Amino acid sequence: MLRQRLRTRTSPLAYVSRVIPVIVALVLIWYGLMLLLLALKFSPDTVNSISGYRTIYDELAGIGAGDISDRSRLIAGIAGLVAFLLFGLLALKEFPRPYLTRSESPVQQRDELGEVVIEPRAVERVAETAAQANPAVTGAAGRYGDEQIYVNVKVKRARAVPETLRDVQRRVAEAMGQHGLPAVPVNVTLAGFDRQQRRELN
């Protein structure tokens, strides 16, 4: 069974979105402390000089319908739209985006002339090409991991599936040797049948 490690990509904007809740939490803690001071019978004037809670309340309470102009409504609407898009984007960036990690390159050759590295995708491509050389195979997907080759194949017909899978395994192993790649276990899995041949499954 393929044991493939997962990694997640984190956008830099995700860190910005994590700062905003911290700021909100600090504000709530601060004004919660002000309420505690008022509950402990501290002077309201002293608490207001520290936090400005009464000044802010009076300013907001003094706003009437006549104080809001069309320009103010337009600015508020645009600001609300920008805030909606910004916070929506930040929330979207918080979703994890996992992807499969690849194993280290199976072939690395170094000499005085330089270094030759064969990437995992090249090995997977060799396996896929060898698998598709079988006439019964309509599609193949390979993955190199844990020093093994995993090949998922789709075939035309449900008949003779074991023979097809064994032939694919043989072809992949031979292709690895022909290209000078290390001999690793080859695991072949039937991934599905060609939809145009579904009638043969009955």
C-alpha atoms as a PDB file:
ATOM      1  CA  MET A   1       0.000   0.000   0.000  1.00  0.00           C
ATOM      2  CA  LEU A   2       1.307   3.439  -0.915  1.00  0.00           C
ATOM      3  CA  ARG A   3       2.394   5.357   2.153  1.00  0.00           C
ATOM      4  CA  GLN A   4       2.891   8.816   0.733  1.00  0.00           C
ATOM      5  CA  ARG A   5       3.608  11.817   2.903  1.00  0.00           C
ATOM      6  CA  LEU A   6       1.465  14.920   2.577  1.00  0.00           C
ATOM      7  CA  ARG A   7       2.522  18.513   2.824  1.00  0.00           C
ATOM      8  CA  THR A   8       0.432  21.643   2.859  1.00  0.00           C
ATOM      9  CA  ARG A   9       1.161  24.897   1.126  1.00  0.00           C
ATOM     10  CA  THR A  10       0.568  27.984   3.290  1.00  0.00           C
ATOM     11  CA  SER A  11      -0.028  31.314   1.635  1.00  0.00           C
ATOM     12  CA  PRO A  12       1.668  34.372   3.192  1.00  0.00           C
ATOM     13  CA  LEU A  13      -1.794  35.945   3.400  1.00  0.00           C
ATOM     14  CA  ALA A  14      -2.785  33.188   5.827  1.00  0.00           C
ATOM     15  CA  TYR A  15      -0.451  34.711   8.413  1.00  0.00           C
ATOM     16  CA  VAL A  16      -2.159  38.092   7.972  1.00  0.00           C
ATOM     17  CA  SER A  17      -5.542  36.512   8.623  1.00  0.00           C
ATOM     18  CA  ARG A  18      -4.203  35.039  11.857  1.00  0.00           C
ATOM     19  CA  VAL A  19      -3.095  38.453  13.097  1.00  0.00           C
ATOM     20  CA  ILE A  20      -6.607  39.930  12.837  1.00  0.00           C
ATOM     21  CA  PRO A  21      -8.216  37.610  15.453  1.00  0.00           C
ATOM     22  CA  VAL A  22      -5.299  38.367  17.778  1.00  0.00           C
ATOM     23  CA  ILE A  23      -5.958  42.092  17.473  1.00  0.00           C
ATOM     24  CA  VAL A  24      -9.682  41.611  18.081  1.00  0.00           C
ATOM     25  CA  ALA A  25      -8.934  39.414  21.101  1.00  0.00           C
ATOM     26  CA  LEU A  26      -6.606  42.041  22.560  1.00  0.00           C
ATOM     27  CA  VAL A  27      -9.264  44.734  22.155  1.00  0.00           C
ATOM     28  CA  LEU A  28     -11.863  42.534  23.861  1.00  0.00           C
ATOM     29  CA  ILE A  29      -9.475  41.771  26.714  1.00  0.00           C
ATOM     30  CA  TRP A  30      -8.647  45.450  27.108  1.00  0.00           C
ATOM     31  CA  TYR A  31     -12.240  46.612  27.315  1.00  0.00           C
ATOM     32  CA  GLY A  32     -13.121  43.611  29.474  1.00  0.00           C
ATOM     33  CA  LEU A  33     -10.515  44.926  31.889  1.00  0.00           C
ATOM     34  CA  MET A  34     -12.176  48.349  31.753  1.00  0.00           C
ATOM     35  CA  LEU A  35     -15.514  46.772  32.676  1.00  0.00           C
ATOM     36  CA  LEU A  36     -13.796  45.035  35.567  1.00  0.00           C
ATOM     37  CA  LEU A  37     -12.412  48.345  36.786  1.00  0.00           C
ATOM     38  CA  LEU A  38     -15.883  49.899  36.618  1.00  0.00           C
ATOM     39  CA  ALA A  39     -17.317  46.919  38.504  1.00  0.00           C
ATOM     40  CA  LEU A  40     -14.657  47.446  41.200  1.00  0.00           C
ATOM     41  CA  LYS A  41     -15.938  51.041  41.673  1.00  0.00           C
ATOM     42  CA  PHE A  42     -13.047  52.805  39.971  1.00  0.00           C
ATOM     43  CA  SER A  43     -13.830  56.357  38.922  1.00  0.00           C
ATOM     44  CA  PRO A  44     -15.612  56.425  35.527  1.00  0.00           C
ATOM     45  CA  ASP A  45     -13.592  59.494  34.593  1.00  0.00           C
ATOM     46  CA  THR A  46     -10.354  57.634  35.273  1.00  0.00           C
ATOM     47  CA  VAL A  47     -11.494  54.613  33.238  1.00  0.00           C
ATOM     48  CA  ASN A  48     -12.618  56.917  30.409  1.00  0.00           C
ATOM     49  CA  SER A  49      -9.267  58.685  30.392  1.00  0.00           C
ATOM     50  CA  ILE A  50      -7.570  55.318  29.992  1.00  0.00           C
ATOM     51  CA  SER A  51      -9.862  53.713  27.418  1.00  0.00           C
ATOM     52  CA  GLY A  52     -12.006  56.554  26.021  1.00  0.00           C
ATOM     53  CA  TYR A  53     -15.070  54.280  26.185  1.00  0.00           C
ATOM     54  CA  ARG A  54     -17.453  57.067  27.181  1.00  0.00           C
ATOM     55  CA  THR A  55     -16.070  59.497  24.614  1.00  0.00           C
ATOM     56  CA  ILE A  56     -16.466  56.919  21.846  1.00  0.00           C
ATOM     57  CA  TYR A  57     -20.000  56.097  22.972  1.00  0.00           C
ATOM     58  CA  ASP A  58     -21.039  59.750  23.077  1.00  0.00           C
ATOM     59  CA  GLU A  59     -19.614  60.339  19.593  1.00  0.00           C
ATOM     60  CA  LEU A  60     -21.504  57.391  18.118  1.00  0.00           C
ATOM     61  CA  ALA A  61     -24.708  58.128  20.014  1.00  0.00           C
ATOM     62  CA  GLY A  62     -24.665  61.737  18.790  1.00  0.00           C
ATOM     63  CA  ILE A  63     -24.777  60.758  15.120  1.00  0.00           C
ATOM     64  CA  GLY A  64     -28.165  61.440  13.594  1.00  0.00           C
ATOM     65  CA  ALA A  65     -29.729  60.732  10.235  1.00  0.00           C
ATOM     66  CA  GLY A  66     -28.944  64.258   9.074  1.00  0.00           C
ATOM     67  CA  ASP A  67     -25.250  63.786   9.790  1.00  0.00           C
ATOM     68  CA  ILE A  68     -24.929  61.027   7.206  1.00  0.00           C
ATOM     69  CA  SER A  69     -24.537  62.415   3.689  1.00  0.00           C
ATOM     70  CA  ASP A  70     -24.716  60.604   0.380  1.00  0.00           C
ATOM     71  CA  ARG A  71     -20.950  60.779   0.192  1.00  0.00           C
ATOM     72  CA  SER A  72     -20.645  59.106   3.603  1.00  0.00           C
ATOM     73  CA  ARG A  73     -22.998  56.319   2.487  1.00  0.00           C
ATOM     74  CA  LEU A  74     -20.965  55.800  -0.677  1.00  0.00           C
ATOM     75  CA  ILE A  75     -17.711  55.620   1.276  1.00  0.00           C
ATOM     76  CA  ALA A  76     -19.248  53.223   3.789  1.00  0.00           C
ATOM     77  CA  GLY A  77     -20.599  51.008   0.990  1.00  0.00           C
ATOM     78  CA  ILE A  78     -17.247  50.873  -0.814  1.00  0.00           C
ATOM     79  CA  ALA A  79     -15.421  50.203   2.445  1.00  0.00           C
ATOM     80  CA  GLY A  80     -17.851  47.395   3.263  1.00  0.00           C
ATOM     81  CA  LEU A  81     -17.361  45.818  -0.157  1.00  0.00           C
ATOM     82  CA  VAL A  82     -13.572  46.034   0.126  1.00  0.00           C
ATOM     83  CA  ALA A  83     -13.711  44.535   3.619  1.00  0.00           C
ATOM     84  CA  PHE A  84     -15.935  41.703   2.378  1.00  0.00           C
ATOM     85  CA  LEU A  85     -13.555  40.859  -0.472  1.00  0.00           C
ATOM     86  CA  LEU A  86     -10.465  41.177   1.713  1.00  0.00           C
ATOM     87  CA  PHE A  87     -11.749  39.034   4.561  1.00  0.00           C
ATOM     88  CA  GLY A  88     -13.194  36.533   2.092  1.00  0.00           C
ATOM     89  CA  LEU A  89      -9.785  36.201   0.443  1.00  0.00           C
ATOM     90  CA  LEU A  90      -8.071  35.817   3.813  1.00  0.00           C
ATOM     91  CA  ALA A  91     -10.575  33.132   4.818  1.00  0.00           C
ATOM     92  CA  LEU A  92      -9.991  31.307   1.523  1.00  0.00           C
ATOM     93  CA  LYS A  93      -6.236  31.321   2.089  1.00  0.00           C
ATOM     94  CA  GLU A  94      -6.768  29.593   5.430  1.00  0.00           C
ATOM     95  CA  PHE A  95      -7.970  26.414   3.702  1.00  0.00           C
ATOM     96  CA  PRO A  96      -5.115  23.888   3.567  1.00  0.00           C
ATOM     97  CA  ARG A  97      -3.860  22.852   0.136  1.00  0.00           C
ATOM     98  CA  PRO A  98      -2.270  19.438   0.616  1.00  0.00           C
ATOM     99  CA  TYR A  99      -0.090  17.845  -2.036  1.00  0.00           C
ATOM    100  CA  LEU A 100       1.857  14.608  -2.257  1.00  0.00           C
ATOM    101  CA  THR A 101       5.538  14.844  -1.566  1.00  0.00           C
ATOM    102  CA  ARG A 102       7.887  13.015  -3.849  1.00  0.00           C
ATOM    103  CA  SER A 103      10.586  10.670  -2.719  1.00  0.00           C
ATOM    104  CA  GLU A 104      14.199  11.510  -3.251  1.00  0.00           C
ATOM    105  CA  SER A 105      15.668  10.887  -6.675  1.00  0.00           C
ATOM    106  CA  PRO A 106      16.377   7.170  -7.109  1.00  0.00           C
ATOM    107  CA  VAL A 107      19.482   7.704  -9.255  1.00  0.00           C
ATOM    108  CA  GLN A 108      22.264  10.153  -8.490  1.00  0.00           C
ATOM    109  CA  GLN A 109      25.614   9.732 -10.160  1.00  0.00           C
ATOM    110  CA  ARG A 110      28.560  11.961  -9.415  1.00  0.00           C
ATOM    111  CA  ASP A 111      31.988  12.034 -10.970  1.00  0.00           C
ATOM    112  CA  GLU A 112      34.688  14.551 -11.799  1.00  0.00           C
ATOM    113  CA  LEU A 113      32.650  15.798 -14.781  1.00  0.00           C
ATOM    114  CA  GLY A 114      29.510  16.621 -12.837  1.00  0.00           C
ATOM    115  CA  GLU A 115      26.336  15.131 -11.429  1.00  0.00           C
ATOM    116  CA  VAL A 116      23.464  13.209 -13.037  1.00  0.00           C
ATOM    117  CA  VAL A 117      20.131  13.220 -11.211  1.00  0.00           C
ATOM    118  CA  ILE A 118      17.028  11.407 -12.434  1.00  0.00           C
ATOM    119  CA  GLU A 119      13.923  12.937 -10.884  1.00  0.00           C
ATOM    120  CA  PRO A 120      11.037  10.759  -9.623  1.00  0.00           C
ATOM    121  CA  ARG A 121       8.741  12.046 -12.372  1.00  0.00           C
ATOM    122  CA  ALA A 122      11.118  10.661 -15.002  1.00  0.00           C
ATOM    123  CA  VAL A 123      10.959   7.232 -13.355  1.00  0.00           C
ATOM    124  CA  GLU A 124       7.167   7.450 -13.208  1.00  0.00           C
ATOM    125  CA  ARG A 125       7.046   8.356 -16.888  1.00  0.00           C
ATOM    126  CA  VAL A 126       9.139   5.296 -17.769  1.00  0.00           C
ATOM    127  CA  ALA A 127       6.703   3.097 -15.842  1.00  0.00           C
ATOM    128  CA  GLU A 128       3.653   4.685 -17.485  1.00  0.00           C
ATOM    129  CA  THR A 129       5.077   4.312 -20.991  1.00  0.00           C
ATOM    130  CA  ALA A 130       5.955   0.663 -20.373  1.00  0.00           C
ATOM    131  CA  ALA A 131       2.488  -0.051 -18.981  1.00  0.00           C
ATOM    132  CA  GLN A 132       0.728   1.556 -21.944  1.00  0.00           C
ATOM    133  CA  ALA A 133       2.744  -0.636 -24.307  1.00  0.00           C
ATOM    134  CA  ASN A 134       0.357  -3.441 -23.370  1.00  0.00           C
ATOM    135  CA  PRO A 135      -2.487  -3.412 -25.952  1.00  0.00           C
ATOM    136  CA  ALA A 136      -5.117  -4.030 -23.269  1.00  0.00           C
ATOM    137  CA  VAL A 137      -4.129  -0.948 -21.245  1.00  0.00           C
ATOM    138  CA  THR A 138      -5.936   2.311 -22.020  1.00  0.00           C
ATOM    139  CA  GLY A 139      -4.373   4.471 -19.333  1.00  0.00           C
ATOM    140  CA  ALA A 140      -1.639   4.352 -16.708  1.00  0.00           C
ATOM    141  CA  ALA A 141      -0.517   6.553 -13.839  1.00  0.00           C
ATOM    142  CA  GLY A 142       2.694   5.908 -11.967  1.00  0.00           C
ATOM    143  CA  ARG A 143       4.088   7.153  -8.686  1.00  0.00           C
ATOM    144  CA  TYR A 144       7.506   6.557  -7.183  1.00  0.00           C
ATOM    145  CA  GLY A 145       7.552   6.338  -3.386  1.00  0.00           C
ATOM    146  CA  ASP A 146       9.159   4.354  -0.586  1.00  0.00           C
ATOM    147  CA  GLU A 147      11.646   2.987  -3.144  1.00  0.00           C
ATOM    148  CA  GLN A 148       8.821   1.301  -5.046  1.00  0.00           C
ATOM    149  CA  ILE A 149       6.909   1.969  -8.243  1.00  0.00           C
ATOM    150  CA  TYR A 150       3.125   2.094  -8.017  1.00  0.00           C
ATOM    151  CA  VAL A 151       1.261   1.883 -11.318  1.00  0.00           C
ATOM    152  CA  ASN A 152      -2.513   2.286 -11.635  1.00  0.00           C
ATOM    153  CA  VAL A 153      -3.845   1.040 -14.971  1.00  0.00           C
ATOM    154  CA  LYS A 154      -7.129   1.121 -16.838  1.00  0.00           C
ATOM    155  CA  VAL A 155      -7.884  -1.718 -19.217  1.00  0.00           C
ATOM    156  CA  LYS A 156     -10.217  -2.243 -22.156  1.00  0.00           C
ATOM    157  CA  ARG A 157     -11.867  -5.457 -21.029  1.00  0.00           C
ATOM    158  CA  ALA A 158     -12.623  -7.252 -17.794  1.00  0.00           C
ATOM    159  CA  ARG A 159     -11.375 -10.488 -19.265  1.00  0.00           C
ATOM    160  CA  ALA A 160      -7.829 -11.678 -18.621  1.00  0.00           C
ATOM    161  CA  VAL A 161      -7.161  -8.963 -16.045  1.00  0.00           C
ATOM    162  CA  PRO A 162      -4.623 -11.023 -14.038  1.00  0.00           C
ATOM    163  CA  GLU A 163      -2.593 -11.729 -17.166  1.00  0.00           C
ATOM    164  CA  THR A 164      -2.669  -8.057 -18.119  1.00  0.00           C
ATOM    165  CA  LEU A 165      -1.496  -6.929 -14.686  1.00  0.00           C
ATOM    166  CA  ARG A 166       1.335  -9.478 -14.658  1.00  0.00           C
ATOM    167  CA  ASP A 167       2.408  -8.392 -18.137  1.00  0.00           C
ATOM    168  CA  VAL A 168       2.398  -4.738 -17.107  1.00  0.00           C
ATOM    169  CA  GLN A 169       4.495  -5.560 -14.062  1.00  0.00           C
ATOM    170  CA  ARG A 170       6.987  -7.415 -16.269  1.00  0.00           C
ATOM    171  CA  ARG A 171       7.134  -4.616 -18.834  1.00  0.00           C
ATOM    172  CA  VAL A 172       7.756  -1.969 -16.167  1.00  0.00           C
ATOM    173  CA  ALA A 173      10.517  -4.006 -14.532  1.00  0.00           C
ATOM    174  CA  GLU A 174      12.202  -4.555 -17.906  1.00  0.00           C
ATOM    175  CA  ALA A 175      11.913  -0.871 -18.807  1.00  0.00           C
ATOM    176  CA  MET A 176      13.581   0.079 -15.535  1.00  0.00           C
ATOM    177  CA  GLY A 177      16.517  -2.175 -16.384  1.00  0.00           C
ATOM    178  CA  GLN A 178      16.760  -0.922 -19.982  1.00  0.00           C
ATOM    179  CA  HIS A 179      17.034   2.676 -18.780  1.00  0.00           C
ATOM    180  CA  GLY A 180      19.648   1.897 -16.177  1.00  0.00           C
ATOM    181  CA  LEU A 181      17.305   2.535 -13.269  1.00  0.00           C
ATOM    182  CA  PRO A 182      17.556   0.572 -10.025  1.00  0.00           C
ATOM    183  CA  ALA A 183      15.479  -2.591  -9.697  1.00  0.00           C
ATOM    184  CA  VAL A 184      12.678  -1.716  -7.305  1.00  0.00           C
ATOM    185  CA  PRO A 185       9.409  -3.538  -6.516  1.00  0.00           C
ATOM    186  CA  VAL A 186       6.661  -2.844  -9.057  1.00  0.00           C
ATOM    187  CA  ASN A 187       3.082  -2.740  -7.745  1.00  0.00           C
ATOM    188  CA  VAL A 188       0.331  -2.742 -10.360  1.00  0.00           C
ATOM    189  CA  THR A 189      -3.252  -1.904  -9.424  1.00  0.00           C
ATOM    190  CA  LEU A 190      -6.367  -2.089 -11.586  1.00  0.00           C
ATOM    191  CA  ALA A 191      -7.876   1.407 -11.497  1.00  0.00           C
ATOM    192  CA  GLY A 192     -10.830   0.879 -13.834  1.00  0.00           C
ATOM    193  CA  PHE A 193     -12.185  -0.164 -17.188  1.00  0.00           C
ATOM    194  CA  ASP A 194     -12.614   1.796 -20.380  1.00  0.00           C
ATOM    195  CA  ARG A 195     -16.136   3.227 -20.340  1.00  0.00           C
ATOM    196  CA  GLN A 196     -16.609   2.356 -23.995  1.00  0.00           C
ATOM    197  CA  GLN A 197     -16.170  -1.326 -23.088  1.00  0.00           C
ATOM    198  CA  ARG A 198     -18.586  -1.476 -20.131  1.00  0.00           C
ATOM    199  CA  ARG A 199     -20.946  -3.837 -21.944  1.00  0.00           C
ATOM    200  CA  GLU A 200     -18.405  -6.650 -21.556  1.00  0.00           C
ATOM    201  CA  LEU A 201     -18.720  -6.469 -17.781  1.00  0.00           C
ATOM    202  CA  ASN A 202     -22.243  -7.928 -17.885  1.00  0.00           C
END
